[in-house]
N, C-alpha and C. Protein backbone atom coordinates (compact mmCIF):
# COMPACT_ATOMS: atom_id res chain seq x y z
N MET A 1 -19.93 42.04 -51.13
CA MET A 1 -19.63 42.36 -49.30
C MET A 1 -18.74 41.88 -48.59
N THR A 2 -18.28 41.87 -47.77
CA THR A 2 -17.45 41.22 -46.99
C THR A 2 -17.99 41.23 -45.35
N ALA A 3 -16.74 40.14 -44.81
CA ALA A 3 -17.37 39.75 -43.83
C ALA A 3 -17.00 41.50 -42.19
N THR A 4 -16.64 42.11 -42.69
CA THR A 4 -16.66 43.71 -42.38
C THR A 4 -16.93 44.54 -42.74
N ASP A 5 -18.21 44.20 -44.27
CA ASP A 5 -19.01 44.90 -44.52
C ASP A 5 -19.51 45.87 -43.35
N PRO A 6 -19.71 46.92 -43.21
CA PRO A 6 -20.55 47.56 -41.62
C PRO A 6 -22.07 47.39 -41.84
N ALA A 7 -22.72 47.05 -43.09
CA ALA A 7 -23.69 46.83 -42.79
C ALA A 7 -24.75 45.77 -43.12
N LEU A 8 -23.59 44.49 -43.12
CA LEU A 8 -23.60 42.86 -42.55
C LEU A 8 -23.60 43.26 -41.29
N THR A 9 -22.29 43.98 -40.73
CA THR A 9 -22.43 44.10 -39.36
C THR A 9 -23.57 44.26 -38.60
N ALA A 10 -23.96 45.51 -38.95
CA ALA A 10 -25.13 46.13 -38.35
C ALA A 10 -26.56 44.93 -37.74
N LEU A 11 -26.79 44.72 -39.21
CA LEU A 11 -27.72 43.67 -39.21
C LEU A 11 -27.14 42.44 -38.55
N ALA A 12 -25.88 42.06 -38.07
CA ALA A 12 -25.86 41.33 -37.00
C ALA A 12 -26.01 41.69 -35.40
N GLN A 13 -25.73 43.08 -35.20
CA GLN A 13 -26.31 43.03 -34.57
C GLN A 13 -27.56 43.16 -34.04
N GLY A 14 -28.09 43.89 -35.18
CA GLY A 14 -29.79 43.94 -35.10
C GLY A 14 -29.99 42.26 -34.12
N TRP A 15 -29.57 41.86 -35.35
CA TRP A 15 -30.17 40.57 -34.64
C TRP A 15 -29.65 39.61 -33.60
N SER A 16 -28.16 39.95 -33.16
CA SER A 16 -27.78 39.86 -32.27
C SER A 16 -28.86 40.10 -30.50
N ALA A 17 -29.51 41.66 -30.48
CA ALA A 17 -30.36 42.58 -29.40
C ALA A 17 -31.52 41.24 -29.72
N LEU A 18 -31.84 41.81 -30.74
CA LEU A 18 -33.05 40.62 -30.86
C LEU A 18 -33.31 39.54 -30.31
N ALA A 19 -32.51 38.68 -30.34
CA ALA A 19 -32.20 37.55 -29.58
C ALA A 19 -31.65 37.52 -28.57
N LEU A 20 -30.59 38.76 -27.27
CA LEU A 20 -30.83 38.86 -26.12
C LEU A 20 -32.21 39.58 -25.81
N LEU A 21 -32.91 40.50 -26.34
CA LEU A 21 -34.16 40.63 -25.55
C LEU A 21 -35.23 39.38 -26.13
N HIS A 22 -35.19 38.61 -26.45
CA HIS A 22 -36.12 37.48 -26.70
C HIS A 22 -35.69 36.31 -25.44
N GLY A 23 -34.34 36.35 -25.20
CA GLY A 23 -33.60 35.40 -24.08
C GLY A 23 -34.42 35.66 -22.51
N ARG A 24 -33.74 37.35 -22.59
CA ARG A 24 -33.98 37.40 -21.37
C ARG A 24 -35.60 37.56 -21.27
N ILE A 25 -36.52 38.15 -22.01
CA ILE A 25 -37.52 37.56 -21.69
C ILE A 25 -38.07 36.27 -21.31
N GLU A 26 -38.31 35.44 -22.33
CA GLU A 26 -38.41 33.69 -22.04
C GLU A 26 -37.99 33.35 -21.13
N ALA A 27 -36.58 33.92 -20.27
CA ALA A 27 -35.98 33.27 -18.59
C ALA A 27 -36.86 34.09 -17.53
N HIS A 28 -37.04 35.41 -17.84
CA HIS A 28 -37.97 35.80 -17.22
C HIS A 28 -38.52 35.21 -16.43
N ILE A 29 -39.36 34.92 -17.78
CA ILE A 29 -41.30 33.74 -17.91
C ILE A 29 -41.64 33.43 -16.83
N GLU A 30 -39.97 32.48 -17.31
CA GLU A 30 -40.13 30.81 -17.25
C GLU A 30 -39.70 30.95 -16.35
N ARG A 31 -38.89 31.97 -14.96
CA ARG A 31 -38.56 32.35 -13.66
C ARG A 31 -40.07 31.92 -13.25
N VAL A 32 -40.66 33.42 -13.41
CA VAL A 32 -41.90 33.31 -12.58
C VAL A 32 -43.25 32.67 -12.70
N LEU A 33 -43.33 31.57 -14.30
CA LEU A 33 -44.40 30.74 -14.24
C LEU A 33 -43.86 28.93 -13.69
N GLN A 34 -42.41 29.04 -13.61
CA GLN A 34 -42.77 27.65 -12.93
C GLN A 34 -42.89 28.11 -11.19
N ALA A 35 -42.15 28.99 -11.06
CA ALA A 35 -42.41 29.27 -9.96
C ALA A 35 -43.92 29.26 -9.09
N LYS A 36 -45.01 29.43 -9.79
CA LYS A 36 -45.91 30.45 -9.14
C LYS A 36 -46.91 29.10 -9.92
N HIS A 37 -46.11 28.33 -10.92
CA HIS A 37 -47.74 27.89 -11.41
C HIS A 37 -47.09 25.89 -12.37
N ASP A 38 -45.53 25.93 -11.86
CA ASP A 38 -45.53 24.62 -11.91
C ASP A 38 -45.90 24.84 -13.36
N LEU A 39 -44.99 25.89 -14.09
CA LEU A 39 -45.11 25.47 -16.13
C LEU A 39 -44.15 26.16 -16.45
N SER A 40 -43.57 25.28 -17.53
CA SER A 40 -42.34 25.93 -18.55
C SER A 40 -43.03 27.54 -19.33
N VAL A 41 -42.50 27.59 -20.31
CA VAL A 41 -43.16 29.00 -21.56
C VAL A 41 -43.51 28.00 -22.34
N ARG A 42 -43.35 27.41 -22.63
CA ARG A 42 -43.87 26.58 -23.66
C ARG A 42 -44.96 25.36 -23.94
N GLU A 43 -44.87 25.31 -22.34
CA GLU A 43 -46.01 24.26 -21.54
C GLU A 43 -47.37 25.43 -21.73
N TYR A 44 -46.75 26.91 -21.04
CA TYR A 44 -47.81 27.91 -20.99
C TYR A 44 -48.09 28.23 -22.37
N PHE A 45 -47.28 28.87 -23.06
CA PHE A 45 -47.39 28.52 -25.14
C PHE A 45 -48.72 27.76 -25.76
N LEU A 46 -47.99 26.77 -25.44
CA LEU A 46 -48.87 25.54 -25.83
C LEU A 46 -50.49 25.35 -25.40
N LEU A 47 -50.79 25.55 -24.07
CA LEU A 47 -52.43 25.46 -23.67
C LEU A 47 -52.51 26.95 -24.01
N ASP A 48 -51.79 27.94 -24.31
CA ASP A 48 -52.40 29.07 -24.63
C ASP A 48 -52.93 28.93 -26.80
N VAL A 49 -51.85 28.31 -27.21
CA VAL A 49 -52.31 28.63 -29.06
C VAL A 49 -53.37 27.34 -28.79
N LEU A 50 -53.61 26.29 -27.95
CA LEU A 50 -54.75 25.47 -27.89
C LEU A 50 -55.69 26.28 -27.14
N SER A 51 -55.93 26.79 -26.72
CA SER A 51 -56.93 26.82 -26.00
C SER A 51 -58.12 28.08 -26.57
N ARG A 52 -57.83 28.87 -27.88
CA ARG A 52 -57.87 29.21 -28.67
C ARG A 52 -58.48 28.72 -29.71
N GLN A 53 -58.58 27.90 -30.12
CA GLN A 53 -59.63 26.75 -31.03
C GLN A 53 -60.92 27.06 -30.13
N HIS A 54 -61.68 26.42 -32.32
CA HIS A 54 -63.03 26.69 -31.68
C HIS A 54 -62.81 25.38 -31.46
N ASP A 55 -64.24 24.76 -31.22
CA ASP A 55 -65.30 24.05 -31.06
C ASP A 55 -66.06 23.30 -32.94
N GLY A 56 -65.76 21.78 -32.52
CA GLY A 56 -66.45 21.10 -34.37
C GLY A 56 -65.49 20.93 -34.80
N ASP A 57 -65.79 19.52 -36.36
CA ASP A 57 -64.98 19.52 -37.08
C ASP A 57 -63.98 20.08 -37.71
N GLY A 58 -63.02 20.38 -37.39
CA GLY A 58 -61.96 20.51 -37.55
C GLY A 58 -61.66 22.02 -36.61
N GLY A 59 -61.55 22.21 -35.41
CA GLY A 59 -61.73 23.36 -35.35
C GLY A 59 -60.52 23.32 -33.78
N HIS A 60 -59.84 21.53 -33.95
CA HIS A 60 -58.75 21.24 -32.70
C HIS A 60 -57.60 21.41 -34.03
N LEU A 61 -55.91 21.45 -33.29
CA LEU A 61 -55.06 21.54 -34.43
C LEU A 61 -54.78 19.94 -34.29
N GLN A 62 -53.84 19.72 -35.47
CA GLN A 62 -52.96 18.85 -35.49
C GLN A 62 -51.48 18.63 -34.98
N MET A 63 -51.28 17.55 -34.56
CA MET A 63 -50.53 17.92 -34.20
C MET A 63 -48.93 18.20 -34.86
N LYS A 64 -49.12 18.09 -36.15
CA LYS A 64 -48.17 18.74 -37.22
C LYS A 64 -48.17 21.52 -36.86
N GLN A 65 -49.81 21.31 -37.16
CA GLN A 65 -49.96 22.45 -36.65
C GLN A 65 -49.67 22.91 -35.91
N VAL A 66 -49.37 22.24 -34.58
CA VAL A 66 -49.64 22.77 -33.18
C VAL A 66 -48.06 22.74 -33.53
N ALA A 67 -46.74 21.78 -33.65
CA ALA A 67 -45.65 22.12 -34.09
C ALA A 67 -45.24 23.40 -34.34
N ASP A 68 -45.86 23.54 -35.76
CA ASP A 68 -45.61 24.77 -36.57
C ASP A 68 -46.44 26.06 -35.28
N ALA A 69 -46.81 26.21 -34.84
CA ALA A 69 -47.47 27.25 -33.79
C ALA A 69 -46.70 27.52 -32.49
N VAL A 70 -45.99 26.82 -31.84
CA VAL A 70 -45.37 26.74 -31.00
C VAL A 70 -43.65 26.58 -31.33
N VAL A 71 -43.40 26.41 -33.02
CA VAL A 71 -41.92 26.67 -32.98
C VAL A 71 -40.86 25.67 -32.29
N LEU A 72 -41.53 24.00 -33.07
CA LEU A 72 -41.04 23.05 -32.05
C LEU A 72 -40.77 22.39 -33.42
N SER A 73 -39.78 21.08 -33.36
CA SER A 73 -39.69 20.15 -34.15
C SER A 73 -40.92 19.12 -33.36
N GLN A 74 -41.53 18.37 -34.47
CA GLN A 74 -43.09 17.51 -34.52
C GLN A 74 -41.98 16.75 -33.57
N SER A 75 -40.66 15.81 -33.43
CA SER A 75 -40.73 15.23 -32.19
C SER A 75 -41.09 16.38 -30.49
N ALA A 76 -40.24 16.95 -30.62
CA ALA A 76 -40.38 18.02 -29.25
C ALA A 76 -41.44 18.65 -28.50
N THR A 77 -42.78 18.76 -30.16
CA THR A 77 -43.73 18.20 -29.17
C THR A 77 -44.58 17.55 -28.94
N THR A 78 -44.68 16.72 -29.55
CA THR A 78 -44.90 15.38 -28.78
C THR A 78 -44.46 15.20 -27.42
N ARG A 79 -43.05 15.38 -27.26
CA ARG A 79 -42.75 15.06 -25.98
C ARG A 79 -43.81 16.46 -24.90
N LEU A 80 -43.48 17.41 -25.69
CA LEU A 80 -44.41 18.70 -25.07
C LEU A 80 -45.91 18.46 -23.97
N VAL A 81 -46.86 17.81 -25.50
CA VAL A 81 -47.89 17.36 -25.52
C VAL A 81 -47.84 16.11 -24.21
N THR A 82 -46.93 15.21 -24.55
CA THR A 82 -47.07 14.43 -23.73
C THR A 82 -46.88 14.38 -22.14
N ARG A 83 -45.59 15.29 -21.97
CA ARG A 83 -46.31 16.25 -20.73
C ARG A 83 -47.05 16.36 -19.97
N LEU A 84 -47.80 17.15 -20.66
CA LEU A 84 -49.73 17.65 -20.42
C LEU A 84 -50.50 17.15 -20.10
N GLU A 85 -50.11 15.83 -21.04
CA GLU A 85 -51.07 14.71 -21.10
C GLU A 85 -51.01 14.26 -19.87
N ASP A 86 -50.05 13.81 -19.57
CA ASP A 86 -49.73 12.72 -18.51
C ASP A 86 -49.67 14.11 -17.28
N ARG A 87 -50.24 15.62 -17.26
CA ARG A 87 -50.78 16.04 -15.96
C ARG A 87 -51.33 16.36 -16.29
N ARG A 88 -52.27 15.60 -17.39
CA ARG A 88 -53.73 15.77 -17.88
C ARG A 88 -54.44 17.10 -17.59
N LEU A 89 -53.09 17.68 -18.21
CA LEU A 89 -53.84 19.05 -19.08
C LEU A 89 -54.10 19.28 -20.27
N LEU A 90 -53.52 18.09 -21.31
CA LEU A 90 -53.92 18.37 -22.58
C LEU A 90 -54.77 17.32 -22.43
N GLU A 91 -55.58 16.69 -24.62
CA GLU A 91 -55.87 15.12 -24.20
C GLU A 91 -55.83 15.21 -25.98
N ARG A 92 -55.19 13.95 -26.52
CA ARG A 92 -55.18 13.77 -27.60
C ARG A 92 -56.43 12.76 -28.06
N TYR A 93 -56.65 12.93 -28.93
CA TYR A 93 -57.90 11.97 -29.86
C TYR A 93 -57.86 11.89 -31.31
N LEU A 94 -58.37 11.08 -32.20
CA LEU A 94 -58.29 10.86 -32.84
C LEU A 94 -59.28 11.57 -34.26
N CYS A 95 -59.05 12.17 -35.20
CA CYS A 95 -59.93 13.39 -35.56
C CYS A 95 -61.31 12.03 -36.47
N PRO A 96 -61.91 12.75 -36.36
CA PRO A 96 -63.97 11.74 -36.49
C PRO A 96 -63.78 11.69 -37.76
N THR A 97 -63.22 11.98 -38.22
CA THR A 97 -63.43 12.82 -40.35
C THR A 97 -62.30 12.13 -41.03
N ASP A 98 -60.86 12.02 -40.15
CA ASP A 98 -59.79 10.84 -40.61
C ASP A 98 -58.35 10.64 -39.85
N ARG A 99 -59.19 9.57 -39.72
CA ARG A 99 -58.75 8.46 -38.60
C ARG A 99 -56.64 8.16 -38.42
N ARG A 100 -56.73 8.62 -39.34
CA ARG A 100 -55.12 8.78 -39.33
C ARG A 100 -54.61 10.49 -39.10
N GLY A 101 -55.99 11.44 -38.50
CA GLY A 101 -54.56 12.70 -38.13
C GLY A 101 -55.49 12.74 -36.56
N ILE A 102 -54.36 13.00 -35.31
CA ILE A 102 -54.27 12.75 -34.05
C ILE A 102 -54.49 14.95 -33.82
N TYR A 103 -55.33 15.41 -32.92
CA TYR A 103 -55.95 16.65 -32.57
C TYR A 103 -55.21 15.88 -30.77
N THR A 104 -54.71 17.50 -30.63
CA THR A 104 -54.76 17.87 -29.19
C THR A 104 -56.02 18.66 -28.56
N ASN A 105 -56.37 18.44 -27.50
CA ASN A 105 -57.29 19.93 -26.99
C ASN A 105 -57.08 20.20 -25.14
N VAL A 106 -57.18 20.68 -24.62
CA VAL A 106 -57.17 21.79 -23.27
C VAL A 106 -58.29 20.58 -23.13
N THR A 107 -58.13 20.59 -21.39
CA THR A 107 -58.73 20.39 -20.86
C THR A 107 -59.27 21.10 -19.73
N ALA A 108 -60.40 21.03 -19.12
CA ALA A 108 -60.60 21.55 -18.07
C ALA A 108 -59.95 22.40 -17.37
N ALA A 109 -59.09 21.11 -16.22
CA ALA A 109 -57.73 21.55 -15.74
C ALA A 109 -56.94 22.65 -16.39
N GLY A 110 -56.65 22.00 -18.01
CA GLY A 110 -55.57 23.16 -18.16
C GLY A 110 -56.11 24.66 -18.81
N LEU A 111 -57.11 24.81 -18.89
CA LEU A 111 -57.63 25.58 -19.12
C LEU A 111 -57.75 26.47 -17.54
N LYS A 112 -58.13 25.59 -16.65
CA LYS A 112 -58.13 26.35 -15.14
C LYS A 112 -56.86 27.13 -14.77
N LEU A 113 -55.91 26.13 -14.76
CA LEU A 113 -54.76 26.54 -15.22
C LEU A 113 -53.95 27.13 -15.62
N LEU A 114 -54.59 27.35 -17.03
CA LEU A 114 -53.69 28.74 -18.32
C LEU A 114 -54.98 29.85 -16.96
N ASP A 115 -55.59 29.83 -17.27
CA ASP A 115 -56.10 31.28 -16.88
C ASP A 115 -55.96 32.05 -15.40
N ALA A 116 -55.33 31.05 -14.63
CA ALA A 116 -54.54 30.91 -13.06
C ALA A 116 -53.28 31.73 -13.87
N ALA A 117 -52.55 31.25 -14.74
CA ALA A 117 -51.22 31.79 -15.38
C ALA A 117 -50.70 33.00 -16.45
N ARG A 118 -52.25 33.49 -16.92
CA ARG A 118 -52.96 34.34 -18.25
C ARG A 118 -52.13 35.69 -17.52
N PRO A 119 -51.88 36.20 -16.35
CA PRO A 119 -52.13 37.11 -15.12
C PRO A 119 -50.44 37.03 -14.81
N THR A 120 -50.23 36.09 -13.99
CA THR A 120 -48.36 36.08 -13.89
C THR A 120 -47.87 35.98 -15.11
N ASN A 121 -48.66 35.75 -16.71
CA ASN A 121 -47.33 35.36 -17.33
C ASN A 121 -47.06 37.28 -18.77
N ASP A 122 -48.35 37.60 -18.12
CA ASP A 122 -48.48 38.97 -18.67
C ASP A 122 -47.36 40.11 -17.48
N ALA A 123 -47.71 40.05 -15.99
CA ALA A 123 -46.94 40.63 -15.64
C ALA A 123 -45.78 40.66 -15.58
N ALA A 124 -45.38 39.25 -16.27
CA ALA A 124 -43.56 38.73 -16.16
C ALA A 124 -43.55 39.07 -17.54
N LEU A 125 -43.91 39.35 -18.33
CA LEU A 125 -43.80 40.11 -19.76
C LEU A 125 -43.34 41.74 -19.42
N ARG A 126 -44.62 42.05 -18.75
CA ARG A 126 -44.00 43.97 -18.81
C ARG A 126 -43.31 44.22 -18.37
N GLU A 127 -42.62 43.46 -17.03
CA GLU A 127 -41.81 43.70 -15.93
C GLU A 127 -40.27 43.14 -16.96
N ALA A 128 -40.20 42.04 -17.90
CA ALA A 128 -38.81 42.25 -18.43
C ALA A 128 -38.84 42.52 -19.34
N LEU A 129 -40.06 43.61 -19.89
CA LEU A 129 -40.04 44.66 -21.12
C LEU A 129 -39.57 46.17 -20.23
N ASP A 130 -40.10 46.37 -19.15
CA ASP A 130 -39.10 47.56 -18.96
C ASP A 130 -37.90 47.28 -18.09
N GLU A 131 -37.53 46.08 -17.37
CA GLU A 131 -36.17 46.11 -17.50
C GLU A 131 -35.66 46.01 -18.32
N ALA A 132 -35.50 45.87 -19.88
CA ALA A 132 -34.77 45.57 -20.09
C ALA A 132 -34.94 47.32 -22.16
N ALA A 133 -35.76 47.77 -21.59
CA ALA A 133 -36.18 49.32 -21.73
C ALA A 133 -34.95 50.38 -21.52
N ARG A 134 -34.22 49.46 -20.24
CA ARG A 134 -33.05 50.37 -19.92
C ARG A 134 -32.41 50.34 -20.03
N ASN A 135 -31.88 48.97 -20.68
CA ASN A 135 -30.67 48.97 -21.58
C ASN A 135 -31.08 49.52 -23.48
N PRO A 136 -29.65 50.85 -23.19
CA PRO A 136 -29.54 51.70 -24.55
C PRO A 136 -29.66 50.42 -25.50
N GLU A 137 -28.89 49.27 -25.87
CA GLU A 137 -29.36 48.70 -26.87
C GLU A 137 -30.76 48.22 -27.07
N LEU A 138 -31.28 47.80 -25.74
CA LEU A 138 -32.30 46.86 -26.53
C LEU A 138 -33.54 47.99 -26.77
N ALA A 139 -33.55 49.17 -25.56
CA ALA A 139 -34.53 50.09 -25.52
C ALA A 139 -35.59 50.29 -26.55
N PRO A 140 -34.95 50.68 -27.74
CA PRO A 140 -36.07 50.86 -29.54
C PRO A 140 -36.46 49.36 -29.72
N LEU A 141 -35.77 47.46 -29.51
CA LEU A 141 -36.03 46.89 -29.87
C LEU A 141 -37.82 46.98 -28.69
N VAL A 142 -37.68 46.92 -27.76
CA VAL A 142 -38.22 47.19 -26.61
C VAL A 142 -40.12 48.74 -27.17
N ARG A 143 -39.53 49.36 -27.65
CA ARG A 143 -40.56 50.10 -27.87
C ARG A 143 -41.09 49.53 -29.03
N VAL A 144 -40.78 48.96 -30.12
CA VAL A 144 -41.20 48.86 -31.28
C VAL A 144 -42.29 47.20 -30.99
N VAL A 145 -41.87 46.47 -29.49
CA VAL A 145 -42.47 45.72 -29.25
C VAL A 145 -44.11 46.02 -28.15
N LYS A 146 -43.68 47.02 -27.85
CA LYS A 146 -44.39 47.53 -27.17
C LYS A 146 -45.89 48.28 -28.15
N SER A 147 -45.49 48.95 -29.51
CA SER A 147 -46.14 49.60 -30.10
C SER A 147 -46.82 49.16 -31.07
N LEU A 148 -46.56 47.74 -31.25
CA LEU A 148 -47.73 46.22 -32.15
C LEU A 148 -48.52 46.23 -30.98
N ASN A 149 -49.22 46.06 -32.03
CA ASN A 149 -50.97 45.87 -31.99
C ASN A 149 -51.58 44.42 -32.68
N VAL A 150 -51.00 43.94 -32.48
CA VAL A 150 -50.95 42.45 -32.94
C VAL A 150 -52.64 41.98 -32.37
N PRO A 151 -53.79 41.52 -33.14
CA PRO A 151 -54.49 40.54 -32.37
C PRO A 151 -54.43 38.92 -31.93
N ALA A 152 -55.07 39.03 -31.26
CA ALA A 152 -54.45 37.18 -30.28
C ALA A 152 -55.20 35.88 -31.04
């Protein structure tokens, strides 16, 4: 295969379209969440991921698991958690069974903000997808996204 191989070119074009769709969606949601709730997309997603944890031993995510869930480096995740902790939306605590483990938990204030922001996020996502569907290059990807039935 060469750099001008049509299969590689098509693959690269597909990847570019997917990256473009992701970027447009994320940018739109970012603007709306910032304006209405003073939350970034990453902050919202982190609160959402952590809110889905169950109580009890082992029910909360360690920082490494949080980094994996939000697709950030551990240092970027630590900064993100610290920002939310400073706003009293998250709290960190030592694992009761393994003192080396640090867990994160959403506070009552974080859950309240998340509940208020969730409809905003969902509406912004629908708006961004509807806008992208008008672009012939992105429309097939939007159809695929809308057809997914992924459990939360």
